[in-house]
């Protein structure tokens, strides 16, 4: 088990930022840690990395308890915080050499060269960090996070502020790193989670509200939505009276019908069409996006 969080509490004064949360991240998993602003994501990540202490509960990394002064767990973790803290006046190669020496890495020159190649910084390696674009600064941040070859990588908003091209490049880089390491990342970009994460943990108001595979979360969504097109005149009033239908909306040439009941809405609509002697041209179940599931879970 690479990360184990058990009954974690974190208070700031009388305010609970994290309330009795528990979850595990297995070796080799890429887990998306999601939640609205102020939900407790960054606080949890800071506790896992040993930057701040827990008020109560237990956190382990590779079966070793995490404490604020523990160098043992910090050697196992690579961390890229939301606000990438780089020395802007240092050159890329100079900065990575500095970080490698802090970790007392053997063969510093070879390791730095390997990291520069791994994250795609060859062209920029002799520039000052302050002269780099946001995308390349994120690459430098990732390089410093993995230069000591950690078993666990914690990434807090790694693609924040990137343009679409940079986002794709960093996403592919994280997927590549995830083949070798356990990765836990926080993000607000749902497409990113769907593209690279094996599992999703959603936190809201300091509590875990979901923990499952992204696809399974979408299937478990409470609201069932069906799109239907009829040949012939059908009114909103008629559709609203169908047993089990909770919401009706007009969309282009057809209708979107929703139900919160445990029924197959397609069968109900097919029966309605037969009883009213109208032909069904299109009838399909609409999959809820992860973004819609996220909104549902965090607005309750």
Protein backbone atom coordinates (compact mmCIF):
# COMPACT_ATOMS: atom_id res chain seq x y z
CA UNK A 1 0.00 0.00 0.00
CA UNK A 2 1.66 3.27 -1.11
CA UNK A 3 -0.65 5.74 0.70
CA UNK A 4 -2.98 4.99 3.58
CA UNK A 5 -5.09 7.70 5.23
CA UNK A 6 -7.11 6.57 8.24
CA UNK A 7 -9.59 8.70 10.22
CA UNK A 8 -7.74 11.91 9.39
CA UNK A 9 -8.78 15.19 11.04
CA UNK A 10 -7.19 18.60 10.54
CA UNK A 11 -8.36 21.68 12.44
CA UNK A 12 -7.38 25.31 11.97
CA UNK A 13 -8.49 26.77 15.27
CA UNK A 14 -12.10 25.68 15.71
CA UNK A 15 -12.62 25.09 11.98
CA UNK A 16 -12.31 21.53 10.67
CA UNK A 17 -10.67 21.53 7.23
CA UNK A 18 -10.68 17.72 7.08
CA UNK A 19 -13.18 15.56 8.97
CA UNK A 20 -12.50 11.89 9.62
CA UNK A 21 -11.48 10.89 6.08
CA UNK A 22 -10.05 7.50 5.12
CA UNK A 23 -8.79 6.16 1.79
CA UNK A 24 -5.97 4.10 0.30
CA UNK A 25 -3.90 4.40 -2.86
CA UNK A 26 -2.33 1.20 -4.15
CA UNK A 27 1.09 0.88 -5.70
CA UNK A 28 1.10 1.86 -9.38
CA UNK A 29 -2.27 3.67 -9.27
CA UNK A 30 -3.01 7.14 -10.62
CA UNK A 31 -5.73 8.61 -8.39
CA UNK A 32 -7.54 11.89 -9.00
CA UNK A 33 -8.25 13.77 -5.75
CA UNK A 34 -11.12 16.13 -6.56
CA UNK A 35 -13.19 18.72 -4.74
CA UNK A 36 -14.33 22.35 -4.91
CA UNK A 37 -12.16 25.15 -3.56
CA UNK A 38 -11.85 24.93 0.21
CA UNK A 39 -12.90 21.26 0.31
CA UNK A 40 -9.67 20.12 2.03
CA UNK A 41 -7.66 18.78 -0.94
CA UNK A 42 -4.48 20.77 -0.43
CA UNK A 43 -4.65 20.33 3.35
CA UNK A 44 -4.83 16.54 2.93
CA UNK A 45 -1.91 16.54 0.50
CA UNK A 46 0.20 18.66 2.84
CA UNK A 47 -0.46 16.20 5.68
CA UNK A 48 0.48 13.23 3.45
CA UNK A 49 3.73 14.92 2.41
CA UNK A 50 4.58 15.89 5.98
CA UNK A 51 4.43 19.65 5.44
CA UNK A 52 1.82 20.04 8.16
CA UNK A 53 0.75 17.76 11.00
CA UNK A 54 -2.60 16.03 11.41
CA UNK A 55 -4.83 17.02 14.31
CA UNK A 56 -5.90 13.39 14.63
CA UNK A 57 -5.79 10.17 12.67
CA UNK A 58 -3.04 8.27 10.91
CA UNK A 59 -1.24 8.64 7.57
CA UNK A 60 1.23 6.13 6.19
CA UNK A 61 3.39 6.19 3.07
CA UNK A 62 4.74 2.78 2.02
CA UNK A 63 3.68 1.49 5.47
CA UNK A 64 5.75 4.14 7.29
CA UNK A 65 3.86 6.62 9.54
CA UNK A 66 4.11 10.24 8.35
CA UNK A 67 5.22 12.91 10.80
CA UNK A 68 6.24 16.52 10.18
CA UNK A 69 9.92 15.88 10.97
CA UNK A 70 10.18 12.48 9.27
CA UNK A 71 12.90 12.44 6.62
CA UNK A 72 12.21 8.75 5.98
CA UNK A 73 8.81 9.33 4.35
CA UNK A 74 9.92 12.50 2.56
CA UNK A 75 12.57 10.49 0.74
CA UNK A 76 9.78 8.30 -0.64
CA UNK A 77 7.61 11.23 -1.84
CA UNK A 78 7.89 13.63 -4.77
CA UNK A 79 5.72 16.73 -4.31
CA UNK A 80 4.64 19.43 -6.74
CA UNK A 81 2.55 22.01 -4.84
CA UNK A 82 -0.13 24.14 -6.49
CA UNK A 83 2.10 27.23 -6.50
CA UNK A 84 5.29 25.80 -8.00
CA UNK A 85 8.07 27.25 -5.74
CA UNK A 86 11.02 27.67 -8.09
CA UNK A 87 14.12 29.87 -7.87
CA UNK A 88 13.49 32.09 -10.89
CA UNK A 89 17.02 33.49 -11.01
CA UNK A 90 18.60 30.04 -11.31
CA UNK A 91 19.21 28.24 -14.58
CA UNK A 92 17.29 25.02 -15.21
CA UNK A 93 20.31 22.72 -15.04
CA UNK A 94 21.71 24.66 -12.08
CA UNK A 95 18.46 24.35 -10.13
CA UNK A 96 18.07 20.62 -10.74
CA UNK A 97 21.70 20.07 -9.73
CA UNK A 98 20.98 22.00 -6.52
CA UNK A 99 17.93 19.81 -5.76
CA UNK A 100 19.85 16.60 -6.55
CA UNK A 101 22.59 17.57 -4.11
CA UNK A 102 20.00 18.27 -1.38
CA UNK A 103 18.83 14.67 -1.79
CA UNK A 104 22.47 13.50 -1.80
CA UNK A 105 21.97 11.70 -5.09
CA UNK A 106 24.90 9.79 -6.55
CA UNK A 107 26.02 10.65 -10.10
CA UNK A 108 24.34 14.07 -9.98
CA UNK A 109 25.38 15.09 -13.49
CA UNK A 110 23.94 11.94 -15.08
CA UNK A 111 20.73 12.13 -13.03
CA UNK A 112 20.10 15.77 -13.96
CA UNK A 113 20.68 15.01 -17.64
CA UNK A 114 18.25 12.08 -17.40
CA UNK A 115 15.54 14.25 -15.80
CA UNK A 116 15.97 17.00 -18.39
CA UNK A 117 15.45 14.43 -21.15
CA UNK A 118 12.56 12.70 -19.36
CA UNK A 119 10.47 15.87 -18.96
CA UNK A 120 11.44 17.41 -22.33
CA UNK A 121 13.62 20.31 -21.17
CA UNK A 122 16.59 19.78 -23.51
CA UNK A 123 16.00 22.99 -25.49
CA UNK A 124 15.40 25.08 -22.35
CA UNK A 125 18.02 23.61 -20.01
CA UNK A 126 20.42 26.55 -20.27
CA UNK A 127 17.79 29.23 -19.69
CA UNK A 128 16.91 30.93 -16.43
CA UNK A 129 13.72 29.52 -14.92
CA UNK A 130 12.21 33.02 -14.82
CA UNK A 131 12.46 33.17 -18.64
CA UNK A 132 10.45 29.97 -19.16
CA UNK A 133 6.78 29.66 -20.08
CA UNK A 134 4.29 28.30 -17.52
CA UNK A 135 4.34 24.92 -19.23
CA UNK A 136 8.12 24.60 -19.03
CA UNK A 137 8.14 25.77 -15.42
CA UNK A 138 5.72 22.94 -14.64
CA UNK A 139 8.16 20.56 -16.32
CA UNK A 140 10.93 21.87 -14.07
CA UNK A 141 8.64 21.35 -11.08
CA UNK A 142 7.95 17.76 -12.14
CA UNK A 143 11.65 17.14 -12.68
CA UNK A 144 12.53 18.30 -9.16
CA UNK A 145 9.67 16.17 -7.76
CA UNK A 146 10.97 12.94 -9.32
CA UNK A 147 14.73 13.56 -9.41
CA UNK A 148 15.29 11.44 -6.27
CA UNK A 149 13.26 8.58 -7.78
CA UNK A 150 10.41 8.60 -5.23
CA UNK A 151 7.88 5.78 -5.00
CA UNK A 152 4.96 8.20 -4.52
CA UNK A 153 4.23 11.38 -6.47
CA UNK A 154 1.82 14.03 -5.13
CA UNK A 155 0.71 16.68 -7.65
CA UNK A 156 -1.48 19.62 -6.61
CA UNK A 157 -3.10 21.27 -9.67
CA UNK A 158 -0.21 20.30 -12.02
CA UNK A 159 -1.89 21.72 -15.15
CA UNK A 160 -3.29 24.94 -13.68
CA UNK A 161 -2.94 27.90 -16.07
CA UNK A 162 -1.61 25.89 -19.01
CA UNK A 163 -2.75 26.41 -22.59
CA UNK A 164 -4.35 23.43 -24.44
CA UNK A 165 -1.08 22.32 -26.05
CA UNK A 166 0.86 22.51 -22.79
CA UNK A 167 -1.97 20.69 -21.00
CA UNK A 168 -1.78 17.74 -23.38
CA UNK A 169 2.02 17.57 -23.05
CA UNK A 170 1.98 17.61 -19.23
CA UNK A 171 -0.89 15.12 -19.17
CA UNK A 172 1.08 12.67 -21.31
CA UNK A 173 4.12 13.21 -19.11
CA UNK A 174 2.13 12.38 -15.95
CA UNK A 175 0.72 9.24 -17.62
CA UNK A 176 4.24 8.18 -18.50
CA UNK A 177 5.47 8.75 -14.94
CA UNK A 178 2.41 6.90 -13.60
CA UNK A 179 3.59 3.67 -15.26
CA UNK A 180 6.48 3.56 -12.79
CA UNK A 181 5.14 5.35 -9.68
CA UNK A 182 2.07 5.83 -7.54
CA UNK A 183 0.52 9.18 -8.45
CA UNK A 184 -2.06 11.21 -6.53
CA UNK A 185 -3.13 14.41 -8.26
CA UNK A 186 -5.54 17.22 -7.52
CA UNK A 187 -7.23 19.04 -10.39
CA UNK A 188 -10.38 20.91 -11.44
CA UNK A 189 -10.15 19.66 -15.04
CA UNK A 190 -12.50 16.69 -15.36
CA UNK A 191 -11.30 15.71 -18.85
CA UNK A 192 -7.84 15.31 -17.37
CA UNK A 193 -9.17 12.92 -14.72
CA UNK A 194 -11.08 10.87 -17.30
CA UNK A 195 -7.98 10.70 -19.51
CA UNK A 196 -5.31 9.64 -17.01
CA UNK A 197 -6.75 8.53 -13.64
CA UNK A 198 -7.45 4.94 -12.64
CA UNK A 199 -9.63 6.06 -9.73
CA UNK A 200 -11.35 9.15 -8.37
CA UNK A 201 -11.68 10.30 -4.76
CA UNK A 202 -14.02 13.30 -4.28
CA UNK A 203 -13.89 15.40 -1.12
CA UNK A 204 -16.48 18.02 -0.18
CA UNK A 205 -16.53 20.20 2.96
CA UNK A 206 -13.75 18.10 4.45
CA UNK A 207 -15.47 14.73 3.91
CA UNK A 208 -15.10 11.97 1.31
CA UNK A 209 -18.29 11.80 -0.80
CA UNK A 210 -17.09 9.36 -3.49
CA UNK A 211 -14.28 6.85 -4.07
CA UNK A 212 -14.50 4.76 -7.24
CA UNK A 213 -13.41 4.40 -10.85
CA UNK A 214 -14.47 7.37 -12.99
CA UNK A 215 -16.64 5.20 -15.24
CA UNK A 216 -18.34 3.51 -12.28
CA UNK A 217 -19.07 6.89 -10.70
CA UNK A 218 -20.84 7.99 -13.87
CA UNK A 219 -22.92 4.81 -13.88
CA UNK A 220 -23.90 5.33 -10.24
CA UNK A 221 -25.24 8.82 -10.86
CA UNK A 222 -28.72 9.14 -9.33
CA UNK A 223 -30.34 10.88 -12.29
CA UNK A 224 -31.06 8.83 -15.43
CA UNK A 225 -31.29 10.82 -18.66
CA UNK A 226 -32.75 9.66 -21.99
CA UNK A 227 -32.83 11.47 -25.34
CA UNK A 228 -35.83 10.72 -27.61
CA UNK A 229 -37.12 11.92 -30.98
CA UNK A 230 -40.66 11.20 -32.13
CA UNK A 231 -42.28 11.34 -35.56
CA UNK A 232 -45.47 13.24 -34.97
CA UNK A 233 -46.67 15.79 -32.46
CA UNK A 234 -45.86 15.16 -28.81
CA UNK A 235 -46.19 17.87 -26.15
CA UNK A 236 -44.12 18.58 -23.06
CA UNK A 237 -47.27 18.19 -21.00
CA UNK A 238 -47.79 14.65 -22.30
CA UNK A 239 -44.20 13.64 -21.57
CA UNK A 240 -44.28 15.16 -18.07
CA UNK A 241 -47.18 12.83 -17.18
CA UNK A 242 -45.21 9.66 -17.96
CA UNK A 243 -44.79 7.63 -14.77
CA UNK A 244 -41.25 8.04 -13.38
CA UNK A 245 -40.31 11.12 -15.44
CA UNK A 246 -39.11 13.95 -13.18
CA UNK A 247 -37.96 16.51 -15.77
CA UNK A 248 -38.58 17.21 -19.47
CA UNK A 249 -36.57 19.54 -21.70
CA UNK A 250 -36.71 20.35 -25.42
CA UNK A 251 -33.42 19.78 -27.24
CA UNK A 252 -33.13 20.47 -30.98
CA UNK A 253 -35.45 18.00 -32.73
CA UNK A 254 -36.02 15.86 -29.65
CA UNK A 255 -36.51 15.75 -25.89
CA UNK A 256 -34.37 15.08 -22.83
CA UNK A 257 -36.26 13.19 -20.13
CA UNK A 258 -34.89 12.60 -16.64
CA UNK A 259 -35.85 10.13 -13.92
CA UNK A 260 -34.59 9.62 -10.38
CA UNK A 261 -36.35 6.28 -10.00
CA UNK A 262 -34.83 2.83 -10.40
CA UNK A 263 -36.45 2.08 -13.76
CA UNK A 264 -35.33 1.69 -17.36
CA UNK A 265 -36.67 4.95 -18.75
CA UNK A 266 -36.28 3.72 -22.33
CA UNK A 267 -38.88 0.98 -21.78
CA UNK A 268 -41.30 3.49 -20.25
CA UNK A 269 -40.92 5.85 -23.21
CA UNK A 270 -41.32 3.00 -25.74
CA UNK A 271 -44.58 2.01 -24.01
CA UNK A 272 -45.76 5.65 -24.12
CA UNK A 273 -45.05 5.80 -27.88
CA UNK A 274 -46.99 2.59 -28.50
CA UNK A 275 -49.99 3.71 -26.45
CA UNK A 276 -50.09 7.11 -28.20
CA UNK A 277 -49.50 5.70 -31.67
CA UNK A 278 -46.35 7.75 -32.37
CA UNK A 279 -43.18 6.48 -34.01
CA UNK A 280 -39.90 6.66 -32.08
CA UNK A 281 -37.07 7.81 -34.37
CA UNK A 282 -34.30 7.98 -31.75
CA UNK A 283 -34.14 6.61 -28.21
CA UNK A 284 -30.87 6.50 -26.31
CA UNK A 285 -29.57 6.69 -22.78
CA UNK A 286 -27.35 9.70 -22.14
CA UNK A 287 -24.20 9.07 -20.09
CA UNK A 288 -23.59 11.68 -17.43
CA UNK A 289 -20.18 13.31 -17.66
CA UNK A 290 -17.80 13.17 -14.71
CA UNK A 291 -18.25 16.93 -14.39
CA UNK A 292 -22.02 16.48 -13.92
CA UNK A 293 -21.44 13.75 -11.34
CA UNK A 294 -18.96 16.03 -9.53
CA UNK A 295 -21.49 18.87 -9.42
CA UNK A 296 -24.19 16.55 -8.10
CA UNK A 297 -21.99 15.17 -5.33
CA UNK A 298 -20.53 18.50 -4.22
CA UNK A 299 -23.77 20.53 -4.34
CA UNK A 300 -25.69 18.25 -2.00
